[in-house]
Amino acid sequence: MLNIVLFGPPGAGKGTQSELLVSQFGLNHLSTGDIFRANIKSETELGKLAKSYIDKGELVPDEVTIGMLKSEFEKAGDAKGFIFDGFPRTTEQAKALSGFLQEKGTDITLMLALEVPEEELVNRLLLRGKDSGRADDADENVIRNRIKVYNEQTAVVADFYNALSKFNGINGVGSIEQIFERLSSAINSSNK
């Protein structure tokens, strides 16, 4: 089973590349943001619990997030593998994800980290903000703070996967096709 953590700061292109990788490799895309929204909308028990934290402006606890991911994993049946997008965000989440996957007889194959200079990220997000109307992509100060939070709190997860020889940094600058080719090449190399 091919299990990929697609990693990178806001604006790195994870969503765009996830769609292409899902299509190319027949993987299931697990985005924690999408999973949260779906569970909250459907008013599942986990969704109600997640909403109680989100409504207070708090982070959803790891056990709730893992519970939702487990549920989505179970629904996938005979999947060829998964792309984890937006998760794990902490070393503890990475350990919990590995533990869960190992119970299922699999593990993370590799982490693909899209590496993009900060100024490029800011420009991409400002452009996306004009097109999407997303408030968090319209204000440069908010964007820079999101990148700062990513660098301080989330980027350390790369160290966890690097220690397991599963980290693969990918140049995230270029055309969508060029970046996709780099990601595909890394995946194909890991499957040999």
C-alpha atoms as a PDB file:
ATOM      1  CA  MET A   1       0.000   0.000   0.000  1.00  0.00           C
ATOM      2  CA  LEU A   2       1.330   3.426  -1.000  1.00  0.00           C
ATOM      3  CA  ASN A   3       0.815   5.968   1.805  1.00  0.00           C
ATOM      4  CA  ILE A   4       2.117   9.482   1.280  1.00  0.00           C
ATOM      5  CA  VAL A   5       2.235  12.481   3.576  1.00  0.00           C
ATOM      6  CA  LEU A   6       2.080  15.522   1.300  1.00  0.00           C
ATOM      7  CA  PHE A   7       3.660  18.325   3.226  1.00  0.00           C
ATOM      8  CA  GLY A   8       4.431  21.980   2.777  1.00  0.00           C
ATOM      9  CA  PRO A   9       3.575  25.467   3.929  1.00  0.00           C
ATOM     10  CA  PRO A  10       0.374  27.301   2.994  1.00  0.00           C
ATOM     11  CA  GLY A  11       0.439  28.072  -0.721  1.00  0.00           C
ATOM     12  CA  ALA A  12       2.922  25.336  -1.627  1.00  0.00           C
ATOM     13  CA  GLY A  13       0.409  23.646  -3.951  1.00  0.00           C
ATOM     14  CA  LYS A  14      -0.590  20.617  -1.882  1.00  0.00           C
ATOM     15  CA  GLY A  15      -4.235  20.679  -2.973  1.00  0.00           C
ATOM     16  CA  THR A  16      -3.429  20.990  -6.668  1.00  0.00           C
ATOM     17  CA  GLN A  17      -0.776  18.293  -6.566  1.00  0.00           C
ATOM     18  CA  SER A  18      -2.930  15.969  -4.431  1.00  0.00           C
ATOM     19  CA  GLU A  19      -5.587  15.914  -7.149  1.00  0.00           C
ATOM     20  CA  LEU A  20      -2.999  14.964  -9.770  1.00  0.00           C
ATOM     21  CA  LEU A  21      -1.380  12.298  -7.578  1.00  0.00           C
ATOM     22  CA  VAL A  22      -4.748  10.761  -6.709  1.00  0.00           C
ATOM     23  CA  SER A  23      -5.511  10.453 -10.404  1.00  0.00           C
ATOM     24  CA  GLN A  24      -2.069   9.145 -11.387  1.00  0.00           C
ATOM     25  CA  PHE A  25      -1.578   6.593  -8.609  1.00  0.00           C
ATOM     26  CA  GLY A  26      -5.169   5.653  -7.718  1.00  0.00           C
ATOM     27  CA  LEU A  27      -4.859   6.892  -4.148  1.00  0.00           C
ATOM     28  CA  ASN A  28      -7.484   8.156  -1.707  1.00  0.00           C
ATOM     29  CA  HIS A  29      -7.058  11.780  -0.644  1.00  0.00           C
ATOM     30  CA  LEU A  30      -7.510  12.350   3.086  1.00  0.00           C
ATOM     31  CA  SER A  31      -7.603  16.052   3.864  1.00  0.00           C
ATOM     32  CA  THR A  32      -8.216  16.768   7.538  1.00  0.00           C
ATOM     33  CA  GLY A  33      -9.943  20.045   6.660  1.00  0.00           C
ATOM     34  CA  ASP A  34     -12.381  18.253   4.343  1.00  0.00           C
ATOM     35  CA  ILE A  35     -12.928  15.492   6.912  1.00  0.00           C
ATOM     36  CA  PHE A  36     -13.659  18.024   9.686  1.00  0.00           C
ATOM     37  CA  ARG A  37     -16.144  19.910   7.506  1.00  0.00           C
ATOM     38  CA  ALA A  38     -17.917  16.707   6.390  1.00  0.00           C
ATOM     39  CA  ASN A  39     -18.221  15.347   9.946  1.00  0.00           C
ATOM     40  CA  ILE A  40     -19.461  18.671  11.310  1.00  0.00           C
ATOM     41  CA  LYS A  41     -22.002  19.028   8.491  1.00  0.00           C
ATOM     42  CA  SER A  42     -23.233  15.433   8.997  1.00  0.00           C
ATOM     43  CA  GLU A  43     -23.333  16.021  12.764  1.00  0.00           C
ATOM     44  CA  THR A  44     -21.454  12.801  13.551  1.00  0.00           C
ATOM     45  CA  GLU A  45     -20.378  12.288  17.152  1.00  0.00           C
ATOM     46  CA  LEU A  46     -16.777  13.097  16.206  1.00  0.00           C
ATOM     47  CA  GLY A  47     -17.995  16.102  14.197  1.00  0.00           C
ATOM     48  CA  LYS A  48     -19.908  17.475  17.180  1.00  0.00           C
ATOM     49  CA  LEU A  49     -16.871  16.968  19.385  1.00  0.00           C
ATOM     50  CA  ALA A  50     -14.559  18.684  16.855  1.00  0.00           C
ATOM     51  CA  LYS A  51     -17.024  21.574  16.490  1.00  0.00           C
ATOM     52  CA  SER A  52     -17.040  22.109  20.261  1.00  0.00           C
ATOM     53  CA  TYR A  53     -13.280  22.823  20.102  1.00  0.00           C
ATOM     54  CA  ILE A  54     -13.371  24.800  16.865  1.00  0.00           C
ATOM     55  CA  ASP A  55     -16.175  27.032  18.190  1.00  0.00           C
ATOM     56  CA  LYS A  56     -13.932  27.963  21.127  1.00  0.00           C
ATOM     57  CA  GLY A  57     -11.026  28.719  18.793  1.00  0.00           C
ATOM     58  CA  GLU A  58      -9.080  25.730  20.105  1.00  0.00           C
ATOM     59  CA  LEU A  59      -7.191  23.069  18.194  1.00  0.00           C
ATOM     60  CA  VAL A  60      -9.057  19.798  17.772  1.00  0.00           C
ATOM     61  CA  PRO A  61      -7.287  17.214  19.980  1.00  0.00           C
ATOM     62  CA  ASP A  62      -5.181  14.564  18.269  1.00  0.00           C
ATOM     63  CA  GLU A  63      -7.413  11.684  19.403  1.00  0.00           C
ATOM     64  CA  VAL A  64     -10.470  13.289  17.728  1.00  0.00           C
ATOM     65  CA  THR A  65      -8.561  13.930  14.500  1.00  0.00           C
ATOM     66  CA  ILE A  66      -7.136  10.396  14.490  1.00  0.00           C
ATOM     67  CA  GLY A  67     -10.634   9.036  15.164  1.00  0.00           C
ATOM     68  CA  MET A  68     -11.944  10.796  12.061  1.00  0.00           C
ATOM     69  CA  LEU A  69      -9.015   9.589   9.957  1.00  0.00           C
ATOM     70  CA  LYS A  70      -9.557   6.014  11.167  1.00  0.00           C
ATOM     71  CA  SER A  71     -13.198   6.243  10.145  1.00  0.00           C
ATOM     72  CA  GLU A  72     -12.293   7.511   6.655  1.00  0.00           C
ATOM     73  CA  PHE A  73      -9.595   4.850   6.333  1.00  0.00           C
ATOM     74  CA  GLU A  74     -12.132   2.125   7.150  1.00  0.00           C
ATOM     75  CA  LYS A  75     -14.598   3.491   4.554  1.00  0.00           C
ATOM     76  CA  ALA A  76     -11.947   3.237   1.825  1.00  0.00           C
ATOM     77  CA  GLY A  77     -11.967  -0.572   1.795  1.00  0.00           C
ATOM     78  CA  ASP A  78      -9.461  -1.948  -0.714  1.00  0.00           C
ATOM     79  CA  ALA A  79      -7.674   1.331  -1.411  1.00  0.00           C
ATOM     80  CA  LYS A  80      -4.269   1.235  -3.134  1.00  0.00           C
ATOM     81  CA  GLY A  81      -3.098   3.826  -0.645  1.00  0.00           C
ATOM     82  CA  PHE A  82      -3.633   7.304   0.721  1.00  0.00           C
ATOM     83  CA  ILE A  83      -2.396  10.850   0.462  1.00  0.00           C
ATOM     84  CA  PHE A  84      -2.516  12.527   3.851  1.00  0.00           C
ATOM     85  CA  ASP A  85      -2.958  16.274   3.347  1.00  0.00           C
ATOM     86  CA  GLY A  86      -2.919  18.582   6.367  1.00  0.00           C
ATOM     87  CA  PHE A  87      -1.975  15.763   8.693  1.00  0.00           C
ATOM     88  CA  PRO A  88       0.136  15.060  10.625  1.00  0.00           C
ATOM     89  CA  ARG A  89       0.872  18.551  11.951  1.00  0.00           C
ATOM     90  CA  THR A  90       2.855  17.477  15.011  1.00  0.00           C
ATOM     91  CA  THR A  91       5.337  14.735  15.860  1.00  0.00           C
ATOM     92  CA  GLU A  92       2.754  13.218  18.218  1.00  0.00           C
ATOM     93  CA  GLN A  93       0.251  13.044  15.345  1.00  0.00           C
ATOM     94  CA  ALA A  94       2.896  11.441  13.114  1.00  0.00           C
ATOM     95  CA  LYS A  95       3.552   8.783  15.766  1.00  0.00           C
ATOM     96  CA  ALA A  96      -0.178   8.172  16.228  1.00  0.00           C
ATOM     97  CA  LEU A  97      -0.692   7.861  12.466  1.00  0.00           C
ATOM     98  CA  SER A  98       2.153   5.351  12.166  1.00  0.00           C
ATOM     99  CA  GLY A  99       0.761   3.348  15.080  1.00  0.00           C
ATOM    100  CA  PHE A 100      -2.690   3.213  13.501  1.00  0.00           C
ATOM    101  CA  LEU A 101      -1.332   2.275  10.062  1.00  0.00           C
ATOM    102  CA  GLN A 102       0.884  -0.431  11.548  1.00  0.00           C
ATOM    103  CA  GLU A 103      -2.213  -1.951  13.196  1.00  0.00           C
ATOM    104  CA  LYS A 104      -3.592  -2.189   9.646  1.00  0.00           C
ATOM    105  CA  GLY A 105      -0.413  -3.844   8.350  1.00  0.00           C
ATOM    106  CA  THR A 106       0.959  -0.804   6.540  1.00  0.00           C
ATOM    107  CA  ASP A 107       2.830   2.447   7.256  1.00  0.00           C
ATOM    108  CA  ILE A 108       3.760   5.755   5.680  1.00  0.00           C
ATOM    109  CA  THR A 109       5.773   5.074   2.527  1.00  0.00           C
ATOM    110  CA  LEU A 110       7.230   8.558   2.280  1.00  0.00           C
ATOM    111  CA  MET A 111       6.773  12.200   3.083  1.00  0.00           C
ATOM    112  CA  LEU A 112       6.900  14.514   0.089  1.00  0.00           C
ATOM    113  CA  ALA A 113       7.630  18.047   1.260  1.00  0.00           C
ATOM    114  CA  LEU A 114       7.001  20.848  -1.235  1.00  0.00           C
ATOM    115  CA  GLU A 115       9.709  23.448  -0.666  1.00  0.00           C
ATOM    116  CA  VAL A 116       8.880  26.988  -1.794  1.00  0.00           C
ATOM    117  CA  PRO A 117      10.581  30.275  -0.813  1.00  0.00           C
ATOM    118  CA  GLU A 118       8.487  32.516   1.460  1.00  0.00           C
ATOM    119  CA  GLU A 119       8.123  35.384  -1.032  1.00  0.00           C
ATOM    120  CA  GLU A 120       6.784  32.964  -3.652  1.00  0.00           C
ATOM    121  CA  LEU A 121       4.284  31.597  -1.106  1.00  0.00           C
ATOM    122  CA  VAL A 122       3.083  35.093  -0.217  1.00  0.00           C
ATOM    123  CA  ASN A 123       2.613  35.985  -3.894  1.00  0.00           C
ATOM    124  CA  ARG A 124       0.744  32.739  -4.616  1.00  0.00           C
ATOM    125  CA  LEU A 125      -1.581  33.178  -1.657  1.00  0.00           C
ATOM    126  CA  LEU A 126      -2.318  36.816  -2.465  1.00  0.00           C
ATOM    127  CA  LEU A 127      -3.234  35.755  -6.011  1.00  0.00           C
ATOM    128  CA  ARG A 128      -5.369  32.906  -4.678  1.00  0.00           C
ATOM    129  CA  GLY A 129      -7.052  35.363  -2.320  1.00  0.00           C
ATOM    130  CA  LYS A 130      -8.109  37.547  -5.257  1.00  0.00           C
ATOM    131  CA  ASP A 131      -9.577  34.537  -7.083  1.00  0.00           C
ATOM    132  CA  SER A 132     -11.099  32.597  -4.173  1.00  0.00           C
ATOM    133  CA  GLY A 133     -12.263  35.370  -1.888  1.00  0.00           C
ATOM    134  CA  ARG A 134     -10.692  33.550   1.076  1.00  0.00           C
ATOM    135  CA  ALA A 135     -10.077  36.150   3.775  1.00  0.00           C
ATOM    136  CA  ASP A 136      -7.002  34.295   5.091  1.00  0.00           C
ATOM    137  CA  ASP A 137      -5.395  34.653   1.643  1.00  0.00           C
ATOM    138  CA  ALA A 138      -6.146  38.372   1.180  1.00  0.00           C
ATOM    139  CA  ASP A 139      -4.056  39.911   3.966  1.00  0.00           C
ATOM    140  CA  GLU A 140      -0.274  39.724   3.643  1.00  0.00           C
ATOM    141  CA  ASN A 141       0.230  39.986   7.415  1.00  0.00           C
ATOM    142  CA  VAL A 142      -2.097  37.027   8.010  1.00  0.00           C
ATOM    143  CA  ILE A 143      -0.307  35.053   5.298  1.00  0.00           C
ATOM    144  CA  ARG A 144       3.104  35.741   6.790  1.00  0.00           C
ATOM    145  CA  ASN A 145       1.833  34.720  10.215  1.00  0.00           C
ATOM    146  CA  ARG A 146       0.442  31.438   8.818  1.00  0.00           C
ATOM    147  CA  ILE A 147       3.837  30.701   7.264  1.00  0.00           C
ATOM    148  CA  LYS A 148       5.571  31.606  10.544  1.00  0.00           C
ATOM    149  CA  VAL A 149       3.279  29.271  12.511  1.00  0.00           C
ATOM    150  CA  TYR A 150       3.935  26.510   9.970  1.00  0.00           C
ATOM    151  CA  ASN A 151       7.709  26.979  10.281  1.00  0.00           C
ATOM    152  CA  GLU A 152       7.621  27.038  14.083  1.00  0.00           C
ATOM    153  CA  GLN A 153       5.058  24.330  14.806  1.00  0.00           C
ATOM    154  CA  THR A 154       4.561  22.051  11.818  1.00  0.00           C
ATOM    155  CA  ALA A 155       7.851  21.928   9.922  1.00  0.00           C
ATOM    156  CA  VAL A 156       9.381  19.856  12.748  1.00  0.00           C
ATOM    157  CA  VAL A 157       7.315  16.862  11.564  1.00  0.00           C
ATOM    158  CA  ALA A 158       9.765  16.640   8.658  1.00  0.00           C
ATOM    159  CA  ASP A 159      12.484  15.756  11.198  1.00  0.00           C
ATOM    160  CA  PHE A 160      10.409  12.779  12.358  1.00  0.00           C
ATOM    161  CA  TYR A 161      10.157  11.369   8.816  1.00  0.00           C
ATOM    162  CA  ASN A 162      13.760  12.284   8.015  1.00  0.00           C
ATOM    163  CA  ALA A 163      14.901  10.175  10.981  1.00  0.00           C
ATOM    164  CA  LEU A 164      12.976   7.259   9.422  1.00  0.00           C
ATOM    165  CA  SER A 165      14.569   7.908   5.988  1.00  0.00           C
ATOM    166  CA  LYS A 166      11.106   8.681   4.574  1.00  0.00           C
ATOM    167  CA  PHE A 167      11.535  12.417   3.983  1.00  0.00           C
ATOM    168  CA  ASN A 168      11.878  13.686   0.428  1.00  0.00           C
ATOM    169  CA  GLY A 169      12.144  17.437  -0.182  1.00  0.00           C
ATOM    170  CA  ILE A 170      10.684  18.473  -3.541  1.00  0.00           C
ATOM    171  CA  ASN A 171      11.339  21.763  -5.321  1.00  0.00           C
ATOM    172  CA  GLY A 172       7.866  23.337  -5.358  1.00  0.00           C
ATOM    173  CA  VAL A 173       8.715  26.128  -7.801  1.00  0.00           C
ATOM    174  CA  GLY A 174       7.851  25.796 -11.482  1.00  0.00           C
ATOM    175  CA  SER A 175       4.820  24.856 -13.524  1.00  0.00           C
ATOM    176  CA  ILE A 176       2.188  22.538 -12.088  1.00  0.00           C
ATOM    177  CA  GLU A 177       3.378  19.900 -14.550  1.00  0.00           C
ATOM    178  CA  GLN A 178       7.065  20.267 -13.581  1.00  0.00           C
ATOM    179  CA  ILE A 179       6.270  19.939  -9.876  1.00  0.00           C
ATOM    180  CA  PHE A 180       3.993  16.952 -10.539  1.00  0.00           C
ATOM    181  CA  GLU A 181       6.801  15.269 -12.495  1.00  0.00           C
ATOM    182  CA  ARG A 182       9.194  15.739  -9.540  1.00  0.00           C
ATOM    183  CA  LEU A 183       6.640  14.276  -7.120  1.00  0.00           C
ATOM    184  CA  SER A 184       5.860  11.332  -9.414  1.00  0.00           C
ATOM    185  CA  SER A 185       9.546  10.607  -9.871  1.00  0.00           C
ATOM    186  CA  ALA A 186      10.063  10.511  -6.093  1.00  0.00           C
ATOM    187  CA  ILE A 187       7.091   8.145  -5.664  1.00  0.00           C
ATOM    188  CA  ASN A 188       8.268   5.861  -8.461  1.00  0.00           C
ATOM    189  CA  SER A 189      11.774   5.765  -6.959  1.00  0.00           C
ATOM    190  CA  SER A 190      10.349   4.746  -3.575  1.00  0.00           C
ATOM    191  CA  ASN A 191       8.400   1.855  -5.139  1.00  0.00           C
ATOM    192  CA  LYS A 192      11.494   0.163  -6.566  1.00  0.00           C
END
